[in-house]
Each structure stands twice: as C-alpha cells, then as structure tokens.
Amino acid sequence: MAKSIYTRLTGRKRTLIGYSQLWLAPDHLLLVQSTRFSERYQRFSLADIQAVIVTELPEQMAYQFVVLAAVIGCVAGFLSVSAMFGKIVFAAMAAIALGIMIGNIALGPRCRCHLQTAVSYERLAPVRRVRAARVFLQKIIPVIETVQGTLAPDRAAQIEFPATPVEKPPAVPDAPGYLPEILCAVFLLNAALIAASVRFPRAQLSSVLFTTIFGEIVVLIVSLARSRHDKRRFVYALMIPAIFCIVWDAVQLGTSFFTWMNGIAESAKRGEQTPPSMLAWVAFSQTQALFAASWRVAVAALGLAAAWFER
C-alpha cells in the first residue's frame, strides 16, 4: 500500500452533523469538511498562500454563567424529584453541563483563523483555540517559507504599499434563526398542558398531548438539522438530554393510552353498555406529570437564556 503524502495538522472539529480537519501535503494545504453523507475537499497551494490570520476572541463569561446556571438547575431538579429515572436524568444533565464548562476552560482562549490567497479568504474552522493556532503556525510557516522563500529584510524595505489599500468587503455572517427559541416555547406550552391535564382531567387535555408532543419532536428534528447554519452550541447541547426525556414521555403516554384502550376492549367483551369514556383516560400520573413538566421548564429556561447570551 502506497504511503500517504498527507500529514495531519489538526484534530477534528466536530459538529452535530459532521467534522472538519486540516491536512498538509508537500505542495498544498487540504481542508476536509465532512457531513457524514458527503465530503468536501478544498486545496490551497502553498505557493498561493498570502497570509494566515489568527484573531483571539473575547472570553465567554456569559457562556460560563449560563452553564453554571444549568448545573445549579439540574442539581435543584435532582433534589426535587423522587423517581430514580428523574434523578438519573438530572444527574446526567448536570454532569454534561459541568463537563462542558470544565472542558471549555481547559482548552484555553478561543480564536478565529483565516487563510488568505489571491482569490479567496477562507476560515479554517479546525483552528479554534489559541494553543492550537500556535501549534498550527509552527508547522505551516516553515513549509510555506520552504516553497515561497524567505523575504530578506532589505527587500522588504523596498516594497511600496498603495496609499489607499483596497480592502475586501467584509463577509455578511449568517444570522442565527429562531428555531431553538421556538422549541423552548413549545416545551413551556407542553409543560403547562401536562400540568393542566392532571389538575383538570375533565378538560380532556390528554388527547391534545399527542399532537403537541409530536410537534415537539418535529421542531426538535428541524432544529438539529439546521444547526450547521447556527454558530450557537450550548442551546443545541441541551437538546440531546431532551431527546431521551421526550422518548421516555412518549413511552409513558403510549402506555397509558393503550391501557385505556384495553379497558374499552375488556368492557366490550363483558357486554357493558357504557364503555370507559375519554374522561377516564389520564395521560400521565401525578409523578410522571411532575417529571415531564419539570424537565421541560428547566430545559426551556436554560435554552432561552443560552440562546440569548450566545446570540
């Protein structure tokens, strides 16, 4: 098997739908962007590279406060529920939030890296921390100088710069959408409906929950699919534990519904004239409703705060 000409320059910068990575060949730099279903390759000739620009970004103090609030909220949820499953879910959410905060601090200051050639100005997404940027520059600069040569100081002094430099118009960043905020609003709506279905069983709100929880799932899937167009990350990280909680609630909802249906079938077998009505069906017990409403309120509150701070 032939030996590869590529040397890995960076680790993989992962997203919810794929990753990007930088590789070095003898005469060019390769940027790989994968979406799990397809891969896109961009090659930058070392002879054409004009500049590598690294810009340090400000500290994410608001982000750290949001994550800390998430940890405190999860601890409060852990102490407020009695069901073992609820304690496990809140403990897992607290561990995830605490791990995100510690990992973000350990990785050091953030940065943004761009590579400029005569015809393009490309962001190098895998280089996103100052520490990684230093390592990247230590590797790439000697190779570029080997190809392009080193400019002597006396030659550099003879270069004449135009009086009015021509600047490239700044790129218009993609504005983040409002799908995460809509999802959080749906969570709050469903939390209210779940609490009301237990408090007012004769209102027949249990039948509405089939539609609203299905709406949650649809909005959640669309939000995750559109996350690559949104630079915010913590609000999408909250959706991961929400998926498991929705599945659990859907199982409880389906179980209670089929139990009610079995009651109708048994009533029909016994020849009863008045089978159980919809008023006899309660989607969630009080304990299940407490858990279902609590995690929705917690995720919605943290999600709205994270979406606002990260925006």
C-alpha atoms as a PDB file:
ATOM      1  CA  MET A   1       0.000   0.000   0.000  1.00  0.00           C
ATOM      2  CA  ALA A   2       1.363   3.421  -1.034  1.00  0.00           C
ATOM      3  CA  LYS A   3       2.325   5.766   1.747  1.00  0.00           C
ATOM      4  CA  SER A   4       0.032   8.792   2.108  1.00  0.00           C
ATOM      5  CA  ILE A   5       1.502  12.163   1.202  1.00  0.00           C
ATOM      6  CA  TYR A   6      -0.649  13.896   3.819  1.00  0.00           C
ATOM      7  CA  THR A   7       0.303  14.803   7.379  1.00  0.00           C
ATOM      8  CA  ARG A   8      -2.403  15.639   9.870  1.00  0.00           C
ATOM      9  CA  LEU A   9      -2.198  19.239  11.069  1.00  0.00           C
ATOM     10  CA  THR A  10      -5.204  19.468  13.397  1.00  0.00           C
ATOM     11  CA  GLY A  11      -7.681  17.273  15.149  1.00  0.00           C
ATOM     12  CA  ARG A  12     -11.266  17.039  14.006  1.00  0.00           C
ATOM     13  CA  LYS A  13     -13.521  19.975  14.735  1.00  0.00           C
ATOM     14  CA  ARG A  14     -16.798  18.119  15.295  1.00  0.00           C
ATOM     15  CA  THR A  15     -20.331  19.418  14.926  1.00  0.00           C
ATOM     16  CA  LEU A  16     -23.708  17.729  15.284  1.00  0.00           C
ATOM     17  CA  ILE A  17     -23.701  16.702  11.623  1.00  0.00           C
ATOM     18  CA  GLY A  18     -20.029  16.195  10.763  1.00  0.00           C
ATOM     19  CA  TYR A  19     -16.498  17.470  11.211  1.00  0.00           C
ATOM     20  CA  SER A  20     -13.684  19.431   9.534  1.00  0.00           C
ATOM     21  CA  GLN A  21      -9.927  18.817   9.602  1.00  0.00           C
ATOM     22  CA  LEU A  22      -6.693  20.155   8.107  1.00  0.00           C
ATOM     23  CA  TRP A  23      -4.017  18.073   6.376  1.00  0.00           C
ATOM     24  CA  LEU A  24      -0.654  19.064   4.891  1.00  0.00           C
ATOM     25  CA  ALA A  25       0.824  17.798   1.627  1.00  0.00           C
ATOM     26  CA  PRO A  26       4.259  18.717   0.186  1.00  0.00           C
ATOM     27  CA  ASP A  27       2.753  21.428  -2.043  1.00  0.00           C
ATOM     28  CA  HIS A  28      -0.685  22.259  -0.656  1.00  0.00           C
ATOM     29  CA  LEU A  29      -2.926  22.514   2.391  1.00  0.00           C
ATOM     30  CA  LEU A  30      -6.066  20.343   2.428  1.00  0.00           C
ATOM     31  CA  LEU A  31      -9.277  21.279   4.277  1.00  0.00           C
ATOM     32  CA  VAL A  32     -11.674  18.340   4.692  1.00  0.00           C
ATOM     33  CA  GLN A  33     -15.306  19.059   5.534  1.00  0.00           C
ATOM     34  CA  SER A  34     -17.476  16.002   6.188  1.00  0.00           C
ATOM     35  CA  THR A  35     -21.243  15.859   6.728  1.00  0.00           C
ATOM     36  CA  ARG A  36     -21.275  12.055   7.359  1.00  0.00           C
ATOM     37  CA  PHE A  37     -23.011  11.596   3.985  1.00  0.00           C
ATOM     38  CA  SER A  38     -20.545  13.522   1.808  1.00  0.00           C
ATOM     39  CA  GLU A  39     -17.081  15.058   1.988  1.00  0.00           C
ATOM     40  CA  ARG A  40     -15.857  18.350   0.551  1.00  0.00           C
ATOM     41  CA  TYR A  41     -12.177  18.958  -0.142  1.00  0.00           C
ATOM     42  CA  GLN A  42     -10.504  22.343  -0.530  1.00  0.00           C
ATOM     43  CA  ARG A  43      -6.869  22.520  -1.591  1.00  0.00           C
ATOM     44  CA  PHE A  44      -4.757  25.647  -1.034  1.00  0.00           C
ATOM     45  CA  SER A  45      -1.431  25.707  -2.853  1.00  0.00           C
ATOM     46  CA  LEU A  46       1.404  26.679  -0.505  1.00  0.00           C
ATOM     47  CA  ALA A  47       2.773  28.958  -3.218  1.00  0.00           C
ATOM     48  CA  ASP A  48      -0.513  30.922  -3.301  1.00  0.00           C
ATOM     49  CA  ILE A  49      -0.937  31.500   0.432  1.00  0.00           C
ATOM     50  CA  GLN A  50      -0.556  35.203   1.208  1.00  0.00           C
ATOM     51  CA  ALA A  51      -1.406  35.283   4.910  1.00  0.00           C
ATOM     52  CA  VAL A  52      -2.620  33.228   7.853  1.00  0.00           C
ATOM     53  CA  ILE A  53      -4.612  35.491  10.168  1.00  0.00           C
ATOM     54  CA  VAL A  54      -5.345  34.478  13.755  1.00  0.00           C
ATOM     55  CA  THR A  55      -7.703  36.645  15.816  1.00  0.00           C
ATOM     56  CA  GLU A  56      -8.169  35.996  19.525  1.00  0.00           C
ATOM     57  CA  LEU A  57     -11.814  36.129  20.594  1.00  0.00           C
ATOM     58  CA  PRO A  58     -13.117  37.578  23.877  1.00  0.00           C
ATOM     59  CA  GLU A  59     -13.741  35.346  26.855  1.00  0.00           C
ATOM     60  CA  GLN A  60     -17.148  33.680  27.097  1.00  0.00           C
ATOM     61  CA  MET A  61     -18.069  34.846  30.585  1.00  0.00           C
ATOM     62  CA  ALA A  62     -21.795  34.888  29.776  1.00  0.00           C
ATOM     63  CA  TYR A  63     -21.471  31.365  28.387  1.00  0.00           C
ATOM     64  CA  GLN A  64     -19.806  30.165  31.591  1.00  0.00           C
ATOM     65  CA  PHE A  65     -22.552  31.744  33.720  1.00  0.00           C
ATOM     66  CA  VAL A  66     -25.247  30.054  31.616  1.00  0.00           C
ATOM     67  CA  VAL A  67     -23.580  26.662  32.002  1.00  0.00           C
ATOM     68  CA  LEU A  68     -23.191  27.241  35.737  1.00  0.00           C
ATOM     69  CA  ALA A  69     -26.897  28.098  35.924  1.00  0.00           C
ATOM     70  CA  ALA A  70     -27.631  24.844  34.089  1.00  0.00           C
ATOM     71  CA  VAL A  71     -25.618  22.889  36.671  1.00  0.00           C
ATOM     72  CA  ILE A  72     -27.456  24.595  39.541  1.00  0.00           C
ATOM     73  CA  GLY A  73     -30.833  23.976  37.867  1.00  0.00           C
ATOM     74  CA  CYS A  74     -30.047  20.298  37.323  1.00  0.00           C
ATOM     75  CA  VAL A  75     -28.936  19.893  40.947  1.00  0.00           C
ATOM     76  CA  ALA A  76     -32.197  21.512  42.064  1.00  0.00           C
ATOM     77  CA  GLY A  77     -34.128  19.129  39.824  1.00  0.00           C
ATOM     78  CA  PHE A  78     -32.189  16.173  41.215  1.00  0.00           C
ATOM     79  CA  LEU A  79     -33.162  17.133  44.746  1.00  0.00           C
ATOM     80  CA  SER A  80     -36.810  17.874  43.887  1.00  0.00           C
ATOM     81  CA  VAL A  81     -37.792  14.584  42.190  1.00  0.00           C
ATOM     82  CA  SER A  82     -38.180  11.256  43.934  1.00  0.00           C
ATOM     83  CA  ALA A  83     -38.281   8.927  40.915  1.00  0.00           C
ATOM     84  CA  MET A  84     -34.966   7.198  40.248  1.00  0.00           C
ATOM     85  CA  PHE A  85     -35.213   7.802  36.499  1.00  0.00           C
ATOM     86  CA  GLY A  86     -35.671  11.530  37.101  1.00  0.00           C
ATOM     87  CA  LYS A  87     -32.647  11.648  39.385  1.00  0.00           C
ATOM     88  CA  ILE A  88     -30.553   9.839  36.771  1.00  0.00           C
ATOM     89  CA  VAL A  89     -31.639  12.263  34.027  1.00  0.00           C
ATOM     90  CA  PHE A  90     -30.907  15.387  36.092  1.00  0.00           C
ATOM     91  CA  ALA A  91     -27.585  13.942  37.292  1.00  0.00           C
ATOM     92  CA  ALA A  92     -26.591  13.180  33.685  1.00  0.00           C
ATOM     93  CA  MET A  93     -27.563  16.699  32.584  1.00  0.00           C
ATOM     94  CA  ALA A  94     -25.545  18.228  35.438  1.00  0.00           C
ATOM     95  CA  ALA A  95     -22.524  16.082  34.552  1.00  0.00           C
ATOM     96  CA  ILE A  96     -22.773  17.108  30.880  1.00  0.00           C
ATOM     97  CA  ALA A  97     -23.065  20.812  31.742  1.00  0.00           C
ATOM     98  CA  LEU A  98     -20.176  20.626  34.240  1.00  0.00           C
ATOM     99  CA  GLY A  99     -18.035  18.740  31.713  1.00  0.00           C
ATOM    100  CA  ILE A 100     -18.738  21.395  29.055  1.00  0.00           C
ATOM    101  CA  MET A 101     -17.706  24.185  31.419  1.00  0.00           C
ATOM    102  CA  ILE A 102     -14.505  22.482  32.614  1.00  0.00           C
ATOM    103  CA  GLY A 103     -13.574  21.429  29.074  1.00  0.00           C
ATOM    104  CA  ASN A 104     -14.087  24.939  27.723  1.00  0.00           C
ATOM    105  CA  ILE A 105     -11.836  26.428  30.416  1.00  0.00           C
ATOM    106  CA  ALA A 106      -9.158  23.736  29.968  1.00  0.00           C
ATOM    107  CA  LEU A 107      -8.927  24.311  26.210  1.00  0.00           C
ATOM    108  CA  GLY A 108      -7.898  27.925  26.752  1.00  0.00           C
ATOM    109  CA  PRO A 109      -8.799  31.143  24.896  1.00  0.00           C
ATOM    110  CA  ARG A 110     -10.753  30.895  21.662  1.00  0.00           C
ATOM    111  CA  CYS A 111      -9.626  32.284  18.332  1.00  0.00           C
ATOM    112  CA  ARG A 112     -10.672  32.538  14.710  1.00  0.00           C
ATOM    113  CA  CYS A 113      -8.216  31.587  11.950  1.00  0.00           C
ATOM    114  CA  HIS A 114      -8.448  32.652   8.297  1.00  0.00           C
ATOM    115  CA  LEU A 115      -6.287  31.746   5.338  1.00  0.00           C
ATOM    116  CA  GLN A 116      -5.907  34.329   2.575  1.00  0.00           C
ATOM    117  CA  THR A 117      -4.878  33.682  -1.017  1.00  0.00           C
ATOM    118  CA  ALA A 118      -5.107  35.841  -4.125  1.00  0.00           C
ATOM    119  CA  VAL A 119      -8.640  34.601  -4.859  1.00  0.00           C
ATOM    120  CA  SER A 120     -10.138  33.501  -1.543  1.00  0.00           C
ATOM    121  CA  TYR A 121     -10.427  34.296   2.139  1.00  0.00           C
ATOM    122  CA  GLU A 122     -11.302  31.045   3.893  1.00  0.00           C
ATOM    123  CA  ARG A 123     -11.983  30.392   7.544  1.00  0.00           C
ATOM    124  CA  LEU A 124     -10.093  27.407   8.951  1.00  0.00           C
ATOM    125  CA  ALA A 125     -12.676  26.065  11.399  1.00  0.00           C
ATOM    126  CA  PRO A 126     -10.443  23.314  12.913  1.00  0.00           C
ATOM    127  CA  VAL A 127      -8.141  26.032  14.332  1.00  0.00           C
ATOM    128  CA  ARG A 128     -10.385  27.431  17.057  1.00  0.00           C
ATOM    129  CA  ARG A 129      -8.127  27.760  20.135  1.00  0.00           C
ATOM    130  CA  VAL A 130      -5.068  29.959  20.644  1.00  0.00           C
ATOM    131  CA  ARG A 131      -2.991  26.990  21.787  1.00  0.00           C
ATOM    132  CA  ALA A 132      -3.905  25.018  18.653  1.00  0.00           C
ATOM    133  CA  ALA A 133      -3.229  28.086  16.497  1.00  0.00           C
ATOM    134  CA  ARG A 134       0.332  28.362  17.812  1.00  0.00           C
ATOM    135  CA  VAL A 135       0.995  24.705  17.025  1.00  0.00           C
ATOM    136  CA  PHE A 136      -0.569  25.124  13.580  1.00  0.00           C
ATOM    137  CA  LEU A 137       1.583  28.160  12.764  1.00  0.00           C
ATOM    138  CA  GLN A 138       4.742  26.418  13.958  1.00  0.00           C
ATOM    139  CA  LYS A 139       4.030  23.629  11.485  1.00  0.00           C
ATOM    140  CA  ILE A 140       2.775  25.598   8.489  1.00  0.00           C
ATOM    141  CA  ILE A 141       5.079  28.654   8.398  1.00  0.00           C
ATOM    142  CA  PRO A 142       8.352  26.744   7.784  1.00  0.00           C
ATOM    143  CA  VAL A 143       6.709  24.755   4.997  1.00  0.00           C
ATOM    144  CA  ILE A 144       5.355  27.902   3.318  1.00  0.00           C
ATOM    145  CA  GLU A 145       8.776  29.572   3.585  1.00  0.00           C
ATOM    146  CA  THR A 146      10.376  26.497   2.018  1.00  0.00           C
ATOM    147  CA  VAL A 147       8.088  26.832  -1.009  1.00  0.00           C
ATOM    148  CA  GLN A 148       7.932  30.638  -1.283  1.00  0.00           C
ATOM    149  CA  GLY A 149      11.295  31.516   0.184  1.00  0.00           C
ATOM    150  CA  THR A 150      12.079  33.964   2.962  1.00  0.00           C
ATOM    151  CA  LEU A 151      11.898  37.664   2.171  1.00  0.00           C
ATOM    152  CA  ALA A 152      15.144  39.412   3.053  1.00  0.00           C
ATOM    153  CA  PRO A 153      14.839  42.484   5.329  1.00  0.00           C
ATOM    154  CA  ASP A 154      16.359  44.847   2.709  1.00  0.00           C
ATOM    155  CA  ARG A 155      13.921  43.563   0.068  1.00  0.00           C
ATOM    156  CA  ALA A 156      11.017  44.026   2.422  1.00  0.00           C
ATOM    157  CA  ALA A 157      12.009  47.674   2.920  1.00  0.00           C
ATOM    158  CA  GLN A 158      11.771  48.281  -0.842  1.00  0.00           C
ATOM    159  CA  ILE A 159       8.126  47.122  -1.092  1.00  0.00           C
ATOM    160  CA  GLU A 160       5.808  50.030  -1.808  1.00  0.00           C
ATOM    161  CA  PHE A 161       2.314  49.885  -0.413  1.00  0.00           C
ATOM    162  CA  PRO A 162      -0.556  51.769  -2.101  1.00  0.00           C
ATOM    163  CA  ALA A 163      -1.671  54.950  -0.383  1.00  0.00           C
ATOM    164  CA  THR A 164      -5.239  53.708  -0.258  1.00  0.00           C
ATOM    165  CA  PRO A 165      -5.279  49.949   0.270  1.00  0.00           C
ATOM    166  CA  VAL A 166      -8.075  48.078  -1.398  1.00  0.00           C
ATOM    167  CA  GLU A 167      -9.892  46.065   1.219  1.00  0.00           C
ATOM    168  CA  LYS A 168     -12.141  43.123   0.614  1.00  0.00           C
ATOM    169  CA  PRO A 169     -15.730  43.848   1.668  1.00  0.00           C
ATOM    170  CA  PRO A 170     -16.483  42.112   4.964  1.00  0.00           C
ATOM    171  CA  ALA A 171     -18.473  38.927   4.664  1.00  0.00           C
ATOM    172  CA  VAL A 172     -22.011  39.117   5.944  1.00  0.00           C
ATOM    173  CA  PRO A 173     -22.354  36.493   8.707  1.00  0.00           C
ATOM    174  CA  ASP A 174     -25.278  34.121   8.716  1.00  0.00           C
ATOM    175  CA  ALA A 175     -27.904  35.352  11.153  1.00  0.00           C
ATOM    176  CA  PRO A 176     -28.937  32.601  13.561  1.00  0.00           C
ATOM    177  CA  GLY A 177     -32.540  31.546  13.256  1.00  0.00           C
ATOM    178  CA  TYR A 178     -35.137  31.269  15.977  1.00  0.00           C
ATOM    179  CA  LEU A 179     -35.871  27.541  15.875  1.00  0.00           C
ATOM    180  CA  PRO A 180     -34.250  26.881  19.307  1.00  0.00           C
ATOM    181  CA  GLU A 181     -36.355  29.656  20.838  1.00  0.00           C
ATOM    182  CA  ILE A 182     -39.499  28.226  19.191  1.00  0.00           C
ATOM    183  CA  LEU A 183     -38.649  24.779  20.560  1.00  0.00           C
ATOM    184  CA  CYS A 184     -38.252  26.218  24.072  1.00  0.00           C
ATOM    185  CA  ALA A 185     -41.646  27.926  23.734  1.00  0.00           C
ATOM    186  CA  VAL A 186     -43.195  24.590  22.718  1.00  0.00           C
ATOM    187  CA  PHE A 187     -41.585  22.978  25.781  1.00  0.00           C
ATOM    188  CA  LEU A 188     -43.188  25.598  28.035  1.00  0.00           C
ATOM    189  CA  LEU A 189     -46.560  25.125  26.325  1.00  0.00           C
ATOM    190  CA  ASN A 190     -46.421  21.365  26.781  1.00  0.00           C
ATOM    191  CA  ALA A 191     -45.349  21.728  30.417  1.00  0.00           C
ATOM    192  CA  ALA A 192     -48.460  23.827  31.044  1.00  0.00           C
ATOM    193  CA  LEU A 193     -50.681  21.330  29.184  1.00  0.00           C
ATOM    194  CA  ILE A 194     -49.253  18.362  31.116  1.00  0.00           C
ATOM    195  CA  ALA A 195     -49.805  20.091  34.458  1.00  0.00           C
ATOM    196  CA  ALA A 196     -53.325  21.136  33.428  1.00  0.00           C
ATOM    197  CA  SER A 197     -54.209  17.619  32.207  1.00  0.00           C
ATOM    198  CA  VAL A 198     -53.585  16.263  35.704  1.00  0.00           C
ATOM    199  CA  ARG A 199     -55.172  19.204  37.534  1.00  0.00           C
ATOM    200  CA  PHE A 200     -58.261  19.333  35.309  1.00  0.00           C
ATOM    201  CA  PRO A 201     -58.845  15.787  33.982  1.00  0.00           C
ATOM    202  CA  ARG A 202     -62.385  16.566  32.747  1.00  0.00           C
ATOM    203  CA  ALA A 203     -60.991  19.108  30.252  1.00  0.00           C
ATOM    204  CA  GLN A 204     -59.745  16.165  28.100  1.00  0.00           C
ATOM    205  CA  LEU A 205     -56.355  17.799  27.550  1.00  0.00           C
ATOM    206  CA  SER A 206     -54.683  14.384  27.442  1.00  0.00           C
ATOM    207  CA  SER A 207     -55.797  13.885  23.834  1.00  0.00           C
ATOM    208  CA  VAL A 208     -54.167  17.203  22.860  1.00  0.00           C
ATOM    209  CA  LEU A 209     -50.785  15.994  24.149  1.00  0.00           C
ATOM    210  CA  PHE A 210     -50.454  13.548  21.264  1.00  0.00           C
ATOM    211  CA  THR A 211     -50.351  16.497  18.858  1.00  0.00           C
ATOM    212  CA  THR A 212     -48.206  18.820  20.951  1.00  0.00           C
ATOM    213  CA  ILE A 213     -45.565  16.209  21.820  1.00  0.00           C
ATOM    214  CA  PHE A 214     -45.410  15.197  18.157  1.00  0.00           C
ATOM    215  CA  GLY A 215     -44.903  18.900  17.397  1.00  0.00           C
ATOM    216  CA  GLU A 216     -42.010  18.928  19.864  1.00  0.00           C
ATOM    217  CA  ILE A 217     -40.357  16.072  18.012  1.00  0.00           C
ATOM    218  CA  VAL A 218     -40.784  17.751  14.619  1.00  0.00           C
ATOM    219  CA  VAL A 219     -39.388  21.106  15.783  1.00  0.00           C
ATOM    220  CA  LEU A 220     -36.510  19.328  17.560  1.00  0.00           C
ATOM    221  CA  ILE A 221     -35.526  17.394  14.425  1.00  0.00           C
ATOM    222  CA  VAL A 222     -35.706  20.508  12.235  1.00  0.00           C
ATOM    223  CA  SER A 223     -33.646  22.489  14.771  1.00  0.00           C
ATOM    224  CA  LEU A 224     -30.892  19.882  14.841  1.00  0.00           C
ATOM    225  CA  ALA A 225     -30.906  19.666  11.036  1.00  0.00           C
ATOM    226  CA  ARG A 226     -30.469  23.443  10.788  1.00  0.00           C
ATOM    227  CA  SER A 227     -27.806  23.672  13.499  1.00  0.00           C
ATOM    228  CA  ARG A 228     -24.946  23.840  10.987  1.00  0.00           C
ATOM    229  CA  HIS A 229     -26.190  27.317   9.980  1.00  0.00           C
ATOM    230  CA  ASP A 230     -26.131  28.477  13.599  1.00  0.00           C
ATOM    231  CA  LYS A 231     -22.916  29.269  15.491  1.00  0.00           C
ATOM    232  CA  ARG A 232     -24.540  28.733  18.885  1.00  0.00           C
ATOM    233  CA  ARG A 233     -23.698  25.437  20.556  1.00  0.00           C
ATOM    234  CA  PHE A 234     -24.904  25.208  24.178  1.00  0.00           C
ATOM    235  CA  VAL A 235     -28.563  25.570  23.239  1.00  0.00           C
ATOM    236  CA  TYR A 236     -28.170  22.604  20.878  1.00  0.00           C
ATOM    237  CA  ALA A 237     -26.291  20.591  23.511  1.00  0.00           C
ATOM    238  CA  LEU A 238     -29.385  20.909  25.726  1.00  0.00           C
ATOM    239  CA  MET A 239     -31.419  19.159  23.033  1.00  0.00           C
ATOM    240  CA  ILE A 240     -29.505  15.898  23.490  1.00  0.00           C
ATOM    241  CA  PRO A 241     -30.859  15.073  27.002  1.00  0.00           C
ATOM    242  CA  ALA A 242     -34.227  16.463  25.875  1.00  0.00           C
ATOM    243  CA  ILE A 243     -34.399  13.722  23.235  1.00  0.00           C
ATOM    244  CA  PHE A 244     -34.157  10.977  25.891  1.00  0.00           C
ATOM    245  CA  CYS A 245     -36.746  12.714  28.069  1.00  0.00           C
ATOM    246  CA  ILE A 246     -39.182  13.053  25.147  1.00  0.00           C
ATOM    247  CA  VAL A 247     -38.767   9.361  24.348  1.00  0.00           C
ATOM    248  CA  TRP A 248     -39.500   8.493  27.982  1.00  0.00           C
ATOM    249  CA  ASP A 249     -42.607  10.706  27.997  1.00  0.00           C
ATOM    250  CA  ALA A 250     -43.771   9.234  24.689  1.00  0.00           C
ATOM    251  CA  VAL A 251     -43.459   5.726  26.147  1.00  0.00           C
ATOM    252  CA  GLN A 252     -45.488   6.738  29.221  1.00  0.00           C
ATOM    253  CA  LEU A 253     -48.104   8.447  27.039  1.00  0.00           C
ATOM    254  CA  GLY A 254     -48.411   5.426  24.750  1.00  0.00           C
ATOM    255  CA  THR A 255     -48.587   3.014  27.687  1.00  0.00           C
ATOM    256  CA  SER A 256     -51.404   4.942  29.379  1.00  0.00           C
ATOM    257  CA  PHE A 257     -53.319   5.210  26.097  1.00  0.00           C
ATOM    258  CA  PHE A 258     -53.074   1.500  25.324  1.00  0.00           C
ATOM    259  CA  THR A 259     -54.088   0.687  28.901  1.00  0.00           C
ATOM    260  CA  TRP A 260     -57.228   2.770  28.364  1.00  0.00           C
ATOM    261  CA  MET A 261     -57.837   1.044  25.008  1.00  0.00           C
ATOM    262  CA  ASN A 262     -57.510  -2.360  26.675  1.00  0.00           C
ATOM    263  CA  GLY A 263     -60.095  -1.238  29.209  1.00  0.00           C
ATOM    264  CA  ILE A 264     -62.502  -0.470  26.358  1.00  0.00           C
ATOM    265  CA  ALA A 265     -61.840  -3.890  24.793  1.00  0.00           C
ATOM    266  CA  GLU A 266     -62.418  -5.661  28.108  1.00  0.00           C
ATOM    267  CA  SER A 267     -65.626  -3.683  28.623  1.00  0.00           C
ATOM    268  CA  ALA A 268     -66.826  -4.716  25.179  1.00  0.00           C
ATOM    269  CA  LYS A 269     -66.062  -8.377  25.902  1.00  0.00           C
ATOM    270  CA  ARG A 270     -68.147  -8.203  29.079  1.00  0.00           C
ATOM    271  CA  GLY A 271     -71.004  -6.697  27.084  1.00  0.00           C
ATOM    272  CA  GLU A 272     -71.172  -3.489  29.075  1.00  0.00           C
ATOM    273  CA  GLN A 273     -73.345  -0.794  27.504  1.00  0.00           C
ATOM    274  CA  THR A 274     -71.224   2.136  28.737  1.00  0.00           C
ATOM    275  CA  PRO A 275     -67.549   1.593  27.902  1.00  0.00           C
ATOM    276  CA  PRO A 276     -64.915   3.841  29.521  1.00  0.00           C
ATOM    277  CA  SER A 277     -65.061   7.370  28.088  1.00  0.00           C
ATOM    278  CA  MET A 278     -62.191   9.697  27.241  1.00  0.00           C
ATOM    279  CA  LEU A 279     -62.670  11.284  30.646  1.00  0.00           C
ATOM    280  CA  ALA A 280     -61.327   8.080  32.187  1.00  0.00           C
ATOM    281  CA  TRP A 281     -58.040   8.414  30.321  1.00  0.00           C
ATOM    282  CA  VAL A 282     -55.248  10.351  32.055  1.00  0.00           C
ATOM    283  CA  ALA A 283     -52.063  10.676  30.008  1.00  0.00           C
ATOM    284  CA  PHE A 284     -49.675  10.955  32.974  1.00  0.00           C
ATOM    285  CA  SER A 285     -49.864  10.119  36.641  1.00  0.00           C
ATOM    286  CA  GLN A 286     -49.024  12.899  39.064  1.00  0.00           C
ATOM    287  CA  THR A 287     -45.410  11.707  39.470  1.00  0.00           C
ATOM    288  CA  GLN A 288     -44.925  11.314  35.727  1.00  0.00           C
ATOM    289  CA  ALA A 289     -46.525  14.696  35.076  1.00  0.00           C
ATOM    290  CA  LEU A 290     -44.231  16.355  37.646  1.00  0.00           C
ATOM    291  CA  PHE A 291     -41.169  14.947  35.910  1.00  0.00           C
ATOM    292  CA  ALA A 292     -42.441  15.722  32.385  1.00  0.00           C
ATOM    293  CA  ALA A 293     -43.330  19.317  33.246  1.00  0.00           C
ATOM    294  CA  SER A 294     -40.191  19.944  35.365  1.00  0.00           C
ATOM    295  CA  TRP A 295     -37.619  18.948  32.769  1.00  0.00           C
ATOM    296  CA  ARG A 296     -39.418  20.943  30.079  1.00  0.00           C
ATOM    297  CA  VAL A 297     -39.431  24.086  32.205  1.00  0.00           C
ATOM    298  CA  ALA A 298     -35.753  23.582  33.123  1.00  0.00           C
ATOM    299  CA  VAL A 299     -34.602  22.952  29.550  1.00  0.00           C
ATOM    300  CA  ALA A 300     -36.739  25.795  28.177  1.00  0.00           C
ATOM    301  CA  ALA A 301     -35.442  28.314  30.727  1.00  0.00           C
ATOM    302  CA  LEU A 302     -31.804  27.305  30.222  1.00  0.00           C
ATOM    303  CA  GLY A 303     -32.283  27.117  26.448  1.00  0.00           C
ATOM    304  CA  LEU A 304     -33.800  30.599  26.186  1.00  0.00           C
ATOM    305  CA  ALA A 305     -31.025  32.054  28.361  1.00  0.00           C
ATOM    306  CA  ALA A 306     -28.315  30.272  26.353  1.00  0.00           C
ATOM    307  CA  ALA A 307     -29.867  31.286  23.022  1.00  0.00           C
ATOM    308  CA  TRP A 308     -29.983  34.929  24.109  1.00  0.00           C
ATOM    309  CA  PHE A 309     -26.417  35.030  25.505  1.00  0.00           C
ATOM    310  CA  GLU A 310     -24.903  33.130  22.575  1.00  0.00           C
ATOM    311  CA  ARG A 311     -26.712  35.276  20.037  1.00  0.00           C
END
